[in-house]
């Protein structure tokens, strides 16, 4: 049993109240910590923030949270889960009103990795030891009750242990196992520091293999493109709506047909008159079907433009505008059907009846586009099929009562869309 892996963790007594301008490395060294090479020091972010002067007057804590927030992920009553300036997703952006004078709040360190590096360098100078340093903060976790400490800054520690490419004890390949070593260290330190014992520093000994030149805790933050749970609850809807942008250039990456079908399932939840279901979605999954439709539409469009007296140069220029549909690896033609509509025998009421169905069809298309954005797929709704409905019906073999309502190009965006100019919702509101 003596050869079994083990480690020891203990809280470090003797750290005085920290004030702005204090040298944390000197305060820790003066507590006679008995550090040796290979130890890992766990330092609560609160004392780092105090030493770095991250105490701000804030009669309104919410305003301080606003200032530190990059985006709101989820909200329930006054509680906000947000992404802060460090890229950390946490409650209240890490703004803390505890253990700080009334009328003030503590912000997280501006650069926790740099803070950890400064403590590590200071301890090397003061004590001649090579240790790892982890700056910790308390997090809640989705799907799990309770809080734990995690690493928000690190120096001299391998924050991740990438086991991919190896095998387990049975010889099975490990293809997804990356251990968050720095977070495990932070949690171990929290067990001995406690939340209210006034012990902001802990030491872990016996894990020298995790000490070395690391990349910092920033590596622990999952980038947006890899984050499957980036959106919160009601914010997910708003975020998907705002992320729905017209994409005009796509990569060659194939589109998952299942994702499109999930978007259709969202589309058909739109409101419709008389409890009808006026939506049909034609999915053009083969290149042959897309080319055949687009060639026929192009020929019809060219004929119309020439009939209108457009020059050949003008015709060619206009046709090129339709290239977005040809570039897309997947096309969808949404159609409207008026099954269940009412006939009144009065032109005005019959026209209004059709308009109701057109609005319902548009609501379905919008649901579809938003759902595609939620699937991380780009799209562009193009009205062209509405100008040659007979051609579309003939090429795709659609019933005469199916009314094509444009076409949707679907794919993975070749580049991020340009920033959308800000719009003030008040400009579109009239109150009576």
Protein backbone atom coordinates (compact mmCIF):
# COMPACT_ATOMS: atom_id res chain seq x y z
CA UNK A 1 0.00 0.00 0.00
CA UNK A 2 2.95 2.34 0.55
CA UNK A 3 3.40 2.65 -3.21
CA UNK A 4 -0.23 3.66 -3.81
CA UNK A 5 -0.63 7.20 -5.15
CA UNK A 6 -1.53 9.75 -2.48
CA UNK A 7 -1.39 13.43 -1.71
CA UNK A 8 -1.80 15.69 1.29
CA UNK A 9 -3.74 18.95 1.43
CA UNK A 10 -3.80 21.53 4.22
CA UNK A 11 -4.89 25.10 4.76
CA UNK A 12 -2.15 27.62 5.49
CA UNK A 13 -2.74 29.63 8.70
CA UNK A 14 -1.28 33.00 9.43
CA UNK A 15 -2.40 34.97 6.37
CA UNK A 16 -3.46 38.43 7.63
CA UNK A 17 -6.29 40.55 6.22
CA UNK A 18 -5.21 41.54 2.71
CA UNK A 19 -5.35 45.15 1.57
CA UNK A 20 -4.76 46.91 -1.72
CA UNK A 21 -1.09 46.97 -2.67
CA UNK A 22 -0.09 44.00 -0.50
CA UNK A 23 2.48 41.60 -1.97
CA UNK A 24 0.75 38.23 -1.71
CA UNK A 25 3.92 36.24 -2.26
CA UNK A 26 5.58 38.00 0.69
CA UNK A 27 2.50 37.53 2.89
CA UNK A 28 2.46 33.82 2.10
CA UNK A 29 6.20 33.45 2.61
CA UNK A 30 5.98 35.24 5.97
CA UNK A 31 3.46 32.64 7.14
CA UNK A 32 6.31 30.09 7.00
CA UNK A 33 4.45 27.69 4.73
CA UNK A 34 7.27 25.13 4.56
CA UNK A 35 6.89 24.83 0.80
CA UNK A 36 9.02 22.42 -1.20
CA UNK A 37 9.52 21.97 -4.92
CA UNK A 38 6.49 20.36 -6.54
CA UNK A 39 3.92 21.74 -4.09
CA UNK A 40 0.80 23.41 -5.48
CA UNK A 41 -0.55 26.52 -3.81
CA UNK A 42 -4.33 27.17 -4.02
CA UNK A 43 -5.10 30.87 -3.53
CA UNK A 44 -8.64 32.20 -3.20
CA UNK A 45 -9.33 34.85 -5.82
CA UNK A 46 -10.85 37.12 -3.19
CA UNK A 47 -7.48 37.98 -1.63
CA UNK A 48 -5.94 38.41 -5.08
CA UNK A 49 -8.67 40.90 -5.95
CA UNK A 50 -8.13 42.79 -2.69
CA UNK A 51 -4.37 43.02 -3.22
CA UNK A 52 -4.89 44.23 -6.78
CA UNK A 53 -7.39 46.90 -5.78
CA UNK A 54 -10.37 45.27 -7.43
CA UNK A 55 -12.66 46.66 -4.73
CA UNK A 56 -15.11 49.18 -6.15
CA UNK A 57 -17.80 51.29 -4.58
CA UNK A 58 -21.15 50.01 -5.73
CA UNK A 59 -24.35 51.05 -4.06
CA UNK A 60 -26.01 48.97 -6.78
CA UNK A 61 -24.38 45.55 -7.19
CA UNK A 62 -26.44 44.99 -10.34
CA UNK A 63 -24.67 47.88 -12.05
CA UNK A 64 -21.30 46.31 -11.23
CA UNK A 65 -22.51 43.00 -12.67
CA UNK A 66 -23.65 44.80 -15.82
CA UNK A 67 -20.20 46.34 -16.23
CA UNK A 68 -18.48 42.93 -15.99
CA UNK A 69 -20.95 41.09 -18.24
CA UNK A 70 -20.28 40.22 -21.88
CA UNK A 71 -23.56 38.34 -22.41
CA UNK A 72 -26.40 36.96 -20.34
CA UNK A 73 -26.67 33.19 -20.58
CA UNK A 74 -29.70 32.63 -18.33
CA UNK A 75 -31.85 34.66 -15.99
CA UNK A 76 -34.35 33.71 -13.30
CA UNK A 77 -35.69 36.60 -11.25
CA UNK A 78 -32.72 38.62 -9.96
CA UNK A 79 -30.27 35.75 -10.55
CA UNK A 80 -28.18 36.02 -13.71
CA UNK A 81 -25.77 33.50 -15.15
CA UNK A 82 -23.49 35.46 -17.44
CA UNK A 83 -20.28 35.31 -19.41
CA UNK A 84 -17.86 37.82 -17.96
CA UNK A 85 -14.87 39.58 -19.48
CA UNK A 86 -12.62 36.60 -18.70
CA UNK A 87 -14.86 34.28 -20.72
CA UNK A 88 -16.05 32.57 -17.54
CA UNK A 89 -19.73 31.61 -17.36
CA UNK A 90 -20.85 32.07 -13.77
CA UNK A 91 -23.40 33.65 -11.48
CA UNK A 92 -23.30 37.45 -11.23
CA UNK A 93 -20.12 37.70 -13.36
CA UNK A 94 -18.09 36.82 -10.25
CA UNK A 95 -19.00 40.12 -8.56
CA UNK A 96 -18.88 39.42 -4.81
CA UNK A 97 -20.42 41.49 -2.02
CA UNK A 98 -19.24 39.25 0.85
CA UNK A 99 -16.12 39.77 2.99
CA UNK A 100 -15.82 43.32 1.75
CA UNK A 101 -16.86 46.62 3.42
CA UNK A 102 -20.50 47.70 3.10
CA UNK A 103 -21.16 49.68 -0.06
CA UNK A 104 -18.36 47.96 -1.97
CA UNK A 105 -18.04 44.86 -4.11
CA UNK A 106 -15.13 42.71 -5.21
CA UNK A 107 -14.46 42.09 -8.88
CA UNK A 108 -12.43 39.14 -10.11
CA UNK A 109 -8.75 39.78 -10.94
CA UNK A 110 -8.31 41.36 -14.36
CA UNK A 111 -5.84 38.64 -15.43
CA UNK A 112 -5.88 35.68 -13.02
CA UNK A 113 -3.16 33.83 -14.95
CA UNK A 114 -0.85 36.81 -14.57
CA UNK A 115 -1.78 37.05 -10.88
CA UNK A 116 -0.84 33.38 -10.38
CA UNK A 117 2.45 33.90 -12.23
CA UNK A 118 3.34 36.89 -10.03
CA UNK A 119 2.74 34.85 -6.85
CA UNK A 120 4.77 31.96 -8.21
CA UNK A 121 7.69 34.20 -9.18
CA UNK A 122 7.55 35.97 -5.81
CA UNK A 123 7.70 32.68 -3.90
CA UNK A 124 10.62 31.50 -6.00
CA UNK A 125 12.47 34.73 -5.16
CA UNK A 126 11.55 34.67 -1.47
CA UNK A 127 11.85 30.96 -0.68
CA UNK A 128 13.81 29.48 -3.57
CA UNK A 129 11.09 26.91 -4.33
CA UNK A 130 9.48 25.89 -7.60
CA UNK A 131 5.77 25.51 -6.95
CA UNK A 132 2.59 25.67 -8.95
CA UNK A 133 -0.03 28.31 -8.17
CA UNK A 134 -3.75 28.12 -8.84
CA UNK A 135 -6.11 31.05 -8.29
CA UNK A 136 -9.53 29.69 -7.39
CA UNK A 137 -13.10 30.88 -7.30
CA UNK A 138 -16.41 29.27 -6.39
CA UNK A 139 -18.71 28.05 -9.14
CA UNK A 140 -22.09 26.42 -9.38
CA UNK A 141 -22.46 23.81 -12.14
CA UNK A 142 -25.35 23.11 -14.51
CA UNK A 143 -27.17 19.86 -13.74
CA UNK A 144 -25.43 19.56 -10.35
CA UNK A 145 -26.44 20.90 -6.94
CA UNK A 146 -23.86 22.54 -4.71
CA UNK A 147 -20.81 24.71 -5.22
CA UNK A 148 -17.16 23.87 -5.73
CA UNK A 149 -13.96 25.78 -6.32
CA UNK A 150 -12.45 25.83 -9.81
CA UNK A 151 -9.31 27.31 -11.29
CA UNK A 152 -9.64 30.75 -12.86
CA UNK A 153 -5.90 31.41 -12.97
CA UNK A 154 -2.83 29.19 -12.98
CA UNK A 155 0.93 29.30 -13.32
CA UNK A 156 3.40 26.43 -13.24
CA UNK A 157 0.60 23.86 -13.41
CA UNK A 158 -0.55 21.57 -16.20
CA UNK A 159 -4.19 22.64 -16.10
CA UNK A 160 -5.37 19.86 -18.41
CA UNK A 161 -4.24 16.23 -18.64
CA UNK A 162 -4.99 15.09 -22.18
CA UNK A 163 -5.30 11.31 -22.20
CA UNK A 164 -6.60 11.05 -25.74
CA UNK A 165 -4.68 8.56 -27.80
CA UNK A 166 -3.89 6.36 -24.83
CA UNK A 167 -5.70 3.29 -23.56
CA UNK A 168 -7.52 2.35 -20.38
CA UNK A 169 -6.72 -0.62 -18.10
CA UNK A 170 -8.54 -2.94 -20.52
CA UNK A 171 -6.75 -1.67 -23.61
CA UNK A 172 -9.71 0.36 -24.85
CA UNK A 173 -8.68 3.52 -26.71
CA UNK A 174 -9.30 6.85 -24.97
CA UNK A 175 -10.70 9.28 -27.53
CA UNK A 176 -12.34 12.00 -25.45
CA UNK A 177 -10.75 11.99 -21.99
CA UNK A 178 -9.19 15.32 -21.01
CA UNK A 179 -8.94 15.75 -17.24
CA UNK A 180 -9.34 19.24 -15.73
CA UNK A 181 -6.42 18.84 -13.33
CA UNK A 182 -6.39 22.47 -12.15
CA UNK A 183 -10.09 22.31 -11.26
CA UNK A 184 -9.52 19.11 -9.28
CA UNK A 185 -6.70 20.82 -7.39
CA UNK A 186 -8.91 23.82 -6.69
CA UNK A 187 -11.66 21.59 -5.29
CA UNK A 188 -9.17 19.72 -3.11
CA UNK A 189 -7.92 23.01 -1.70
CA UNK A 190 -11.45 24.16 -0.98
CA UNK A 191 -12.04 21.09 1.20
CA UNK A 192 -9.44 22.31 3.68
CA UNK A 193 -9.82 26.09 3.25
CA UNK A 194 -13.57 26.10 3.79
CA UNK A 195 -15.85 28.97 2.86
CA UNK A 196 -15.97 30.86 6.14
CA UNK A 197 -12.87 29.81 8.10
CA UNK A 198 -10.73 32.76 7.08
CA UNK A 199 -8.15 30.48 5.45
CA UNK A 200 -7.66 31.76 1.89
CA UNK A 201 -4.60 29.67 0.96
CA UNK A 202 -4.07 25.91 0.84
CA UNK A 203 -1.18 23.65 -0.12
CA UNK A 204 -1.33 20.34 -1.97
CA UNK A 205 1.74 18.08 -1.72
CA UNK A 206 2.45 14.81 -3.45
CA UNK A 207 1.39 15.70 -6.99
CA UNK A 208 4.66 17.07 -8.33
CA UNK A 209 3.92 15.61 -11.76
CA UNK A 210 1.28 18.32 -12.32
CA UNK A 211 3.81 21.11 -11.74
CA UNK A 212 5.60 22.49 -14.78
CA UNK A 213 5.38 25.23 -17.33
CA UNK A 214 1.69 25.29 -18.20
CA UNK A 215 -0.49 27.45 -20.41
CA UNK A 216 -2.67 29.05 -17.74
CA UNK A 217 -6.28 28.52 -16.70
CA UNK A 218 -7.52 30.29 -19.80
CA UNK A 219 -7.11 26.93 -21.53
CA UNK A 220 -9.95 25.59 -19.37
CA UNK A 221 -12.49 27.94 -20.95
CA UNK A 222 -14.36 26.16 -23.72
CA UNK A 223 -14.47 28.21 -26.91
CA UNK A 224 -17.87 29.11 -28.33
CA UNK A 225 -17.69 26.82 -31.35
CA UNK A 226 -17.18 23.78 -29.10
CA UNK A 227 -19.80 24.73 -26.53
CA UNK A 228 -22.93 22.62 -27.02
CA UNK A 229 -24.65 24.30 -24.08
CA UNK A 230 -23.77 27.91 -24.79
CA UNK A 231 -27.32 29.20 -24.52
CA UNK A 232 -29.53 29.38 -21.46
CA UNK A 233 -33.31 29.09 -21.14
CA UNK A 234 -35.41 31.95 -22.50
CA UNK A 235 -32.16 33.56 -23.63
CA UNK A 236 -31.70 30.65 -26.04
CA UNK A 237 -34.69 31.81 -28.03
CA UNK A 238 -33.58 35.42 -28.13
CA UNK A 239 -30.00 34.44 -28.95
CA UNK A 240 -31.11 32.16 -31.78
CA UNK A 241 -33.28 34.93 -33.19
CA UNK A 242 -30.44 37.45 -33.12
CA UNK A 243 -27.98 34.90 -34.52
CA UNK A 244 -30.25 34.24 -37.48
CA UNK A 245 -28.44 36.09 -40.20
CA UNK A 246 -28.54 35.85 -43.97
CA UNK A 247 -25.51 33.84 -45.10
CA UNK A 248 -24.37 34.24 -48.69
CA UNK A 249 -21.26 32.07 -48.74
CA UNK A 250 -21.04 28.50 -47.49
CA UNK A 251 -18.31 25.94 -46.91
CA UNK A 252 -18.32 22.48 -48.52
CA UNK A 253 -19.11 20.84 -45.17
CA UNK A 254 -22.17 18.60 -45.53
CA UNK A 255 -25.41 19.49 -43.79
CA UNK A 256 -26.85 17.03 -41.31
CA UNK A 257 -30.30 16.10 -42.68
CA UNK A 258 -31.42 15.40 -39.13
CA UNK A 259 -30.72 19.01 -38.16
CA UNK A 260 -32.90 20.23 -41.02
CA UNK A 261 -35.71 17.92 -39.99
CA UNK A 262 -35.49 19.21 -36.41
CA UNK A 263 -35.79 22.72 -37.81
CA UNK A 264 -38.88 21.65 -39.76
CA UNK A 265 -40.34 20.27 -36.53
CA UNK A 266 -39.89 23.72 -35.00
CA UNK A 267 -41.33 25.40 -38.10
CA UNK A 268 -44.65 23.56 -37.92
CA UNK A 269 -45.33 24.85 -34.40
CA UNK A 270 -46.05 28.31 -35.84
CA UNK A 271 -49.55 29.77 -35.44
CA UNK A 272 -52.00 29.19 -38.28
CA UNK A 273 -55.65 30.07 -38.98
CA UNK A 274 -58.54 27.69 -38.30
CA UNK A 275 -56.26 25.05 -36.67
CA UNK A 276 -54.77 24.31 -40.09
CA UNK A 277 -51.26 23.17 -40.99
CA UNK A 278 -50.43 25.29 -44.04
CA UNK A 279 -46.73 24.38 -44.28
CA UNK A 280 -44.91 21.92 -46.51
CA UNK A 281 -41.11 21.75 -46.79
CA UNK A 282 -39.45 20.23 -49.84
CA UNK A 283 -35.90 19.13 -48.96
CA UNK A 284 -33.48 19.08 -51.87
CA UNK A 285 -30.77 16.81 -50.50
CA UNK A 286 -29.21 15.65 -53.76
CA UNK A 287 -27.07 17.85 -55.94
CA UNK A 288 -28.93 16.55 -59.00
CA UNK A 289 -32.27 17.83 -57.69
CA UNK A 290 -30.80 21.20 -56.75
CA UNK A 291 -29.12 21.72 -60.12
CA UNK A 292 -32.20 20.65 -62.05
CA UNK A 293 -34.42 23.10 -60.16
CA UNK A 294 -31.97 26.01 -60.28
CA UNK A 295 -31.27 25.53 -64.00
CA UNK A 296 -35.00 25.57 -64.77
CA UNK A 297 -35.54 28.64 -62.58
CA UNK A 298 -32.61 30.42 -64.21
CA UNK A 299 -33.97 29.74 -67.69
CA UNK A 300 -37.40 31.05 -66.70
CA UNK A 301 -35.87 34.14 -65.11
CA UNK A 302 -33.71 34.89 -68.15
CA UNK A 303 -36.75 34.59 -70.38
CA UNK A 304 -38.69 37.01 -68.17
CA UNK A 305 -35.84 39.52 -68.08
CA UNK A 306 -35.45 39.47 -71.83
CA UNK A 307 -39.19 39.87 -72.25
CA UNK A 308 -38.90 42.95 -70.02
CA UNK A 309 -36.33 44.39 -72.43
CA UNK A 310 -33.28 43.99 -70.18
CA UNK A 311 -29.89 44.00 -71.86
CA UNK A 312 -27.79 40.83 -71.91
CA UNK A 313 -25.34 42.50 -69.51
CA UNK A 314 -28.18 43.34 -67.13
CA UNK A 315 -29.56 39.82 -67.43
CA UNK A 316 -26.19 38.27 -66.59
CA UNK A 317 -25.71 40.59 -63.62
CA UNK A 318 -29.12 39.79 -62.17
CA UNK A 319 -28.70 36.06 -62.64
CA UNK A 320 -25.40 36.16 -60.77
CA UNK A 321 -27.29 37.46 -57.72
CA UNK A 322 -28.94 34.08 -57.45
CA UNK A 323 -25.62 32.29 -57.00
CA UNK A 324 -26.19 31.97 -53.23
CA UNK A 325 -28.62 29.13 -53.95
CA UNK A 326 -26.07 27.34 -56.15
CA UNK A 327 -23.31 27.64 -53.57
CA UNK A 328 -25.36 26.09 -50.79
CA UNK A 329 -24.92 22.35 -50.12
CA UNK A 330 -28.61 22.01 -49.18
CA UNK A 331 -31.82 23.68 -50.37
CA UNK A 332 -35.30 23.79 -48.90
CA UNK A 333 -38.39 25.03 -50.70
CA UNK A 334 -41.11 25.97 -48.19
CA UNK A 335 -44.60 25.80 -49.62
CA UNK A 336 -47.99 27.05 -48.49
CA UNK A 337 -51.17 25.02 -48.78
CA UNK A 338 -54.60 26.41 -48.01
CA UNK A 339 -56.31 23.22 -46.90
CA UNK A 340 -59.01 24.20 -44.42
CA UNK A 341 -59.30 27.79 -45.65
CA UNK A 342 -62.72 29.42 -45.79
CA UNK A 343 -64.41 30.78 -48.89
CA UNK A 344 -66.69 33.74 -48.33
CA UNK A 345 -67.64 34.70 -51.89
CA UNK A 346 -66.54 38.24 -51.12
CA UNK A 347 -63.34 39.57 -52.68
CA UNK A 348 -62.18 41.54 -49.64
CA UNK A 349 -62.78 38.72 -47.17
CA UNK A 350 -61.33 36.07 -49.50
CA UNK A 351 -58.21 38.22 -49.97
CA UNK A 352 -57.87 38.58 -46.19
CA UNK A 353 -58.26 34.81 -45.82
CA UNK A 354 -55.31 34.22 -48.14
CA UNK A 355 -53.27 36.84 -46.33
CA UNK A 356 -53.82 34.99 -43.06
CA UNK A 357 -52.35 31.86 -44.60
CA UNK A 358 -49.44 33.81 -46.10
CA UNK A 359 -48.67 35.25 -42.64
CA UNK A 360 -48.83 31.76 -41.14
CA UNK A 361 -46.49 30.46 -43.85
CA UNK A 362 -44.07 33.29 -43.08
CA UNK A 363 -44.21 32.47 -39.37
CA UNK A 364 -43.33 28.88 -40.22
CA UNK A 365 -40.39 29.99 -42.37
CA UNK A 366 -39.13 32.27 -39.58
CA UNK A 367 -39.36 29.41 -37.08
CA UNK A 368 -37.42 27.29 -39.56
CA UNK A 369 -34.65 29.88 -40.01
CA UNK A 370 -34.32 30.46 -36.26
CA UNK A 371 -34.18 26.73 -35.58
CA UNK A 372 -31.42 26.36 -38.19
CA UNK A 373 -29.47 29.06 -36.37
CA UNK A 374 -29.94 27.07 -33.16
CA UNK A 375 -28.42 24.08 -34.99
CA UNK A 376 -25.42 26.30 -35.88
CA UNK A 377 -26.43 26.28 -39.56
CA UNK A 378 -26.40 29.34 -41.75
CA UNK A 379 -29.27 30.13 -44.07
CA UNK A 380 -30.53 32.58 -46.66
CA UNK A 381 -34.19 32.93 -47.59
CA UNK A 382 -34.46 33.89 -51.27
CA UNK A 383 -37.82 34.77 -52.83
CA UNK A 384 -37.02 33.52 -56.33
CA UNK A 385 -39.33 30.48 -56.42
CA UNK A 386 -42.29 32.80 -55.91
CA UNK A 387 -41.68 34.27 -59.38
CA UNK A 388 -41.84 30.95 -61.21
CA UNK A 389 -44.13 28.75 -59.14
CA UNK A 390 -45.33 26.68 -62.11
CA UNK A 391 -41.72 25.85 -63.03
CA UNK A 392 -40.91 24.82 -59.45
CA UNK A 393 -44.00 22.66 -59.17
CA UNK A 394 -43.25 20.95 -62.48
CA UNK A 395 -39.57 20.27 -61.77
CA UNK A 396 -40.19 19.01 -58.24
CA UNK A 397 -43.39 17.16 -59.06
CA UNK A 398 -45.48 19.10 -56.54
CA UNK A 399 -49.29 19.18 -56.40
CA UNK A 400 -50.87 22.24 -58.02
CA UNK A 401 -52.19 23.50 -54.68
CA UNK A 402 -48.69 23.70 -53.19
CA UNK A 403 -47.53 27.33 -53.36
CA UNK A 404 -43.69 27.72 -53.27
CA UNK A 405 -42.79 30.57 -50.92
CA UNK A 406 -39.18 31.19 -51.86
CA UNK A 407 -36.20 28.94 -51.24
CA UNK A 408 -33.88 28.57 -48.26
CA UNK A 409 -30.16 27.98 -48.82
CA UNK A 410 -28.73 25.99 -45.90
CA UNK A 411 -25.12 25.28 -44.96
CA UNK A 412 -22.19 26.16 -42.75
CA UNK A 413 -21.22 29.82 -43.08
CA UNK A 414 -17.87 30.38 -44.79
CA UNK A 415 -17.26 33.42 -42.58
CA UNK A 416 -18.91 35.21 -39.71
CA UNK A 417 -21.49 37.70 -40.95
CA UNK A 418 -20.75 41.38 -40.68
CA UNK A 419 -21.93 43.17 -37.56
CA UNK A 420 -25.59 44.07 -37.79
CA UNK A 421 -26.27 47.80 -37.37
CA UNK A 422 -27.91 48.43 -34.02
CA UNK A 423 -31.65 48.90 -34.14
CA UNK A 424 -33.66 50.62 -31.45
CA UNK A 425 -36.88 48.66 -30.92
CA UNK A 426 -38.54 51.94 -29.98
CA UNK A 427 -38.24 53.09 -33.59
CA UNK A 428 -40.67 50.32 -34.60
CA UNK A 429 -43.22 50.78 -31.81
CA UNK A 430 -46.32 52.91 -31.75
CA UNK A 431 -48.26 53.09 -28.49
CA UNK A 432 -51.91 54.07 -28.37
